[in-house]
Protein backbone atom coordinates (compact mmCIF):
# COMPACT_ATOMS: atom_id res chain seq x y z
CA MET A 1 131.47 99.93 116.78
CA LYS A 2 128.00 99.31 115.44
CA ASP A 3 125.53 97.58 117.66
CA THR A 4 125.38 93.99 117.09
CA GLN A 5 123.16 92.85 114.14
CA ASP A 6 120.21 91.02 115.09
CA ASN A 7 118.53 88.86 112.40
CA ARG A 8 115.19 88.92 114.26
CA LEU A 9 115.02 92.78 113.30
CA ARG A 10 111.66 92.46 111.65
CA PRO A 11 110.04 89.29 112.24
CA ALA A 12 106.63 89.94 110.41
CA LEU A 13 108.57 91.00 107.05
CA THR A 14 110.62 88.05 106.82
CA GLU A 15 107.92 85.47 105.98
CA LYS A 16 105.02 85.82 103.12
CA GLY A 17 101.71 83.94 102.93
CA THR A 18 100.04 84.06 106.84
CA THR A 19 102.62 86.72 107.44
CA GLN A 20 101.14 89.13 105.54
CA PHE A 21 97.94 88.63 106.61
CA TYR A 22 98.98 88.76 110.29
CA GLY A 23 101.07 92.13 109.38
CA GLN A 24 97.36 93.75 108.18
CA LYS A 25 95.64 92.60 111.47
CA MET A 26 98.52 93.91 113.63
CA MET A 27 98.56 97.38 111.87
CA THR A 28 94.87 97.41 112.07
CA TYR A 29 94.83 96.53 115.79
CA TYR A 30 97.84 99.23 116.80
CA GLU A 31 96.62 101.97 114.42
CA GLU A 32 93.54 102.40 117.71
CA LYS A 33 96.35 102.24 120.41
CA SER A 34 97.85 105.37 121.46
CA ASP A 35 101.47 106.01 120.93
CA PHE A 36 102.18 105.77 124.88
CA ASP A 37 99.98 102.06 125.00
CA ILE A 38 102.00 101.33 121.96
CA TRP A 39 105.38 102.04 123.03
CA SER A 40 104.75 100.65 126.96
CA ALA A 41 103.87 97.44 124.99
CA PHE A 42 107.41 97.38 123.01
CA LYS A 43 109.51 98.07 126.08
CA LEU A 44 107.73 94.85 128.00
CA GLY A 45 108.84 92.79 125.00
CA ASN A 46 105.71 92.66 122.61
CA GLU A 47 107.43 91.71 118.97
CA ALA A 48 103.69 92.54 117.52
CA ALA A 49 104.41 96.50 119.00
CA PHE A 50 108.01 96.20 117.81
CA ASN A 51 107.14 95.68 114.52
CA TYR A 52 103.99 97.99 113.91
CA ILE A 53 106.66 100.77 115.02
CA TYR A 54 108.87 99.73 112.46
CA ARG A 55 106.15 99.40 109.31
CA LYS A 56 104.38 102.57 110.48
CA HIS A 57 107.59 104.96 110.81
CA MET A 58 110.56 103.41 108.67
CA LYS A 59 109.65 104.65 105.55
CA GLY A 60 109.50 108.51 106.67
CA LEU A 61 112.68 107.79 108.43
CA TYR A 62 114.73 106.88 105.77
CA ASN A 63 113.42 109.77 103.69
CA TYR A 64 114.69 112.16 106.54
CA ALA A 65 117.91 110.35 107.02
CA TYR A 66 118.64 110.52 103.40
CA GLN A 67 117.70 114.17 103.42
CA VAL A 68 120.28 115.16 105.72
CA SER A 69 122.78 112.83 104.83
CA ARG A 70 122.47 112.48 100.89
CA ASP A 71 123.67 109.35 100.96
CA GLN A 72 121.75 106.05 101.08
CA ASP A 73 124.56 103.98 102.42
CA ILE A 74 124.18 106.43 105.52
CA ALA A 75 120.31 106.06 105.55
CA ARG A 76 119.86 102.37 105.41
CA ASP A 77 122.60 102.01 108.47
CA ALA A 78 121.05 104.52 110.50
CA ILE A 79 117.61 103.08 110.06
CA HIS A 80 119.45 99.65 110.93
CA ILE A 81 121.22 101.20 113.96
CA LEU A 82 118.16 102.97 115.26
CA PHE A 83 115.97 99.93 115.87
CA ILE A 84 118.76 97.42 116.67
CA ARG A 85 119.67 100.02 119.65
CA ILE A 86 116.01 100.35 120.86
CA ARG A 87 115.23 96.83 120.44
CA ASN A 88 118.36 96.06 122.57
CA LYS A 89 117.84 98.43 125.01
CA ARG A 90 113.86 98.46 125.27
CA ARG A 91 113.36 97.98 128.79
CA SER A 92 115.47 100.75 129.82
CA LEU A 93 114.13 103.30 127.56
CA ALA A 94 112.06 106.34 128.82
CA ASP A 95 107.93 106.32 128.80
CA VAL A 96 107.44 107.89 125.17
CA GLN A 97 104.16 109.90 124.24
CA ASN A 98 105.20 110.56 120.62
CA ILE A 99 106.71 108.05 118.83
CA LYS A 100 107.65 109.63 115.65
CA GLY A 101 109.02 112.52 117.19
CA TYR A 102 111.58 110.03 119.42
CA LEU A 103 112.32 108.06 116.35
CA MET A 104 113.15 111.41 114.20
CA ARG A 105 115.29 113.29 116.99
CA ALA A 106 116.79 109.43 117.36
CA ILE A 107 117.68 109.61 113.69
CA TYR A 108 118.84 112.69 113.52
CA ARG A 109 121.76 112.29 115.71
CA ILE A 110 122.51 108.85 114.26
CA VAL A 111 122.83 110.63 110.66
CA LEU A 112 125.23 113.21 112.41
CA ASP A 113 127.49 110.34 113.83
CA GLU A 114 127.56 108.64 111.05
CA LEU A 115 128.72 111.54 108.83
CA GLU A 116 131.32 112.41 111.18
CA LYS A 117 132.91 108.95 111.21
CA LYS A 118 132.98 109.24 107.13
CA LYS A 119 134.30 112.56 107.35
CA ARG A 120 131.72 114.01 105.42
CA LYS A 121 131.75 117.72 105.70
CA PHE A 122 128.46 118.87 106.12
CA GLN A 123 127.58 121.50 108.34
CA VAL A 124 123.89 121.44 110.00
CA ILE A 125 124.25 124.19 112.66
CA ASP A 126 122.69 127.82 111.85
CA ASN A 127 123.80 129.91 109.36
CA CYS A 128 126.70 128.12 108.63
CA ILE A 129 126.94 125.66 105.85
CA GLU A 130 130.55 123.98 104.44
CA GLU A 131 129.34 122.11 101.72
CA HIS A 132 125.61 122.39 99.64
CA PHE A 133 123.36 119.29 98.80
CA PRO A 134 120.23 119.47 97.03
CA ILE A 135 116.89 117.85 98.09
CA GLU A 136 115.06 115.89 95.99
CA LEU A 137 111.22 116.17 96.58
CA SER A 138 109.21 113.06 96.06
CA ALA A 139 106.11 113.67 93.59
CA GLU A 140 103.50 113.04 96.65
CA THR A 141 105.26 115.52 98.57
CA LYS A 142 102.94 118.66 98.76
CA MET A 143 105.01 121.55 100.19
CA ILE A 144 101.68 123.63 100.15
CA ASN A 145 98.48 122.43 100.55
CA PHE A 146 97.62 122.18 97.13
CA GLU A 147 98.65 119.91 93.97
CA ILE A 148 101.22 121.11 91.81
CA SER A 149 102.33 120.64 88.29
CA GLU A 150 105.52 118.99 87.29
CA GLU A 151 106.97 122.19 86.27
CA ARG A 152 105.83 123.65 89.57
CA ARG A 153 107.46 120.99 91.67
CA VAL A 154 110.88 121.30 89.79
CA GLN A 155 110.83 124.96 90.51
CA LEU A 156 110.23 124.32 93.74
CA GLU A 157 112.77 122.00 94.27
CA ASP A 158 115.37 124.81 92.89
CA ALA A 159 113.91 127.20 95.55
CA MET A 160 114.49 124.51 98.20
CA ASN A 161 118.04 124.56 97.13
CA GLN A 162 118.82 128.25 97.99
CA LEU A 163 117.60 127.71 101.48
CA SER A 164 120.51 126.85 104.12
CA SER A 165 120.17 123.30 105.37
CA ARG A 166 118.51 124.06 108.38
CA GLN A 167 115.91 125.89 106.56
CA ARG A 168 115.48 122.62 104.37
CA GLN A 169 115.23 120.14 106.93
CA ALA A 170 112.94 122.52 109.26
CA VAL A 171 110.00 122.63 105.78
CA LEU A 172 110.55 119.41 105.52
CA LEU A 173 109.59 118.13 108.91
CA MET A 174 106.81 120.57 109.24
CA TYR A 175 105.32 119.93 105.46
CA LYS A 176 106.18 116.36 104.38
CA GLU A 177 106.40 114.75 107.82
CA ASP A 178 103.32 116.80 109.37
CA LEU A 179 105.45 117.40 112.94
CA SER A 180 104.34 120.66 115.22
CA TYR A 181 106.61 123.41 115.71
CA ARG A 182 107.70 121.87 119.22
CA GLU A 183 108.46 118.45 117.65
CA ILE A 184 110.57 120.33 115.08
CA ALA A 185 112.69 122.14 117.66
CA GLU A 186 112.91 119.14 120.02
CA ILE A 187 114.64 117.24 117.22
CA MET A 188 116.68 119.92 115.67
CA GLY A 189 118.06 120.68 119.56
CA MET A 190 116.48 123.79 119.65
CA GLU A 191 115.79 125.26 123.42
CA GLN A 192 112.64 127.16 122.40
CA VAL A 193 110.01 126.51 119.94
CA LYS A 194 110.17 130.51 118.91
CA SER A 195 113.42 129.12 117.26
CA ALA A 196 111.69 126.76 115.26
CA ARG A 197 108.67 129.05 114.18
CA LYS A 198 111.38 131.84 113.10
CA LEU A 199 113.31 129.29 111.04
CA ILE A 200 110.56 128.11 108.92
CA TYR A 201 108.89 131.66 108.83
CA ARG A 202 112.32 132.76 107.38
CA ALA A 203 112.04 129.47 104.86
CA ILE A 204 108.59 130.20 103.87
CA SER A 205 109.41 134.19 103.25
CA SER A 206 112.49 132.93 101.07
CA LEU A 207 110.59 130.62 99.24
CA LYS A 208 108.07 133.51 98.10
CA ALA A 209 110.72 135.56 97.20
CA PHE A 210 112.14 133.09 94.58
CA PHE A 211 108.58 132.41 93.27
CA SER A 212 107.95 136.36 93.05
CA ASN A 213 110.86 137.13 91.10
C-alpha cells in the first residue's frame, strides 16, 4: 500500500508571484548551509528546508529512477513515495551528513519495490541481467571531462548499452551525479568501496575497448 498522499508535498511550488521570489531567497539561504544543518531543520518541521531538499534533488532523483526502471510512471511514483515518506517520518529519521546519497539509496530501493510490484523482469544484481534496457544520455551529460559531438554522443549511448545494468548505473552515478566510490557502494548495496571501484573500472575498460574497435 502506498503512502497516503499529502497535498502539501510541494508548498512553495503551488503558487506563483511572491512564491517565486521566496523560492529564490530560500535556495540562496540553504546553499550556504551544510547538509547536516539542512536535514536537521527539516526533521524539526522546517517547511523551507523540506522544500529546498525537494527542489535541489528532485530532478537528479527522477533521472536516476527513470534510468533504473525505464518507466516514467514508476519514476514519478518513486519520487512521490520518497518525499511523502520522509515527510511523514521526518522526526524519526536518522541524522544525515549527505542528503543526496541518502535520497539516492532510498529511491533505489523504492524503484526496486515498484518494479517487483509490477512484475517487471529487470534484474539488478551483478552479472545477472534478464532483460536489456537502453539508457538515454541527456545532451548535457558529460561521461568524460570534455564536450562531445552529437555523433560521438550517439556512439557513447551505443557503448553504454553494451554494459551490464550494474555497470551502467555505477557509471551514471559517478559521472552524471558526481558521487564518490563510497557513495556509489552504499547506494548499490556493496559491502566494500573497492567493489564499486572495480565495477566502474571494468565499465570504463569496456567503453574504451568499444571505441578502439
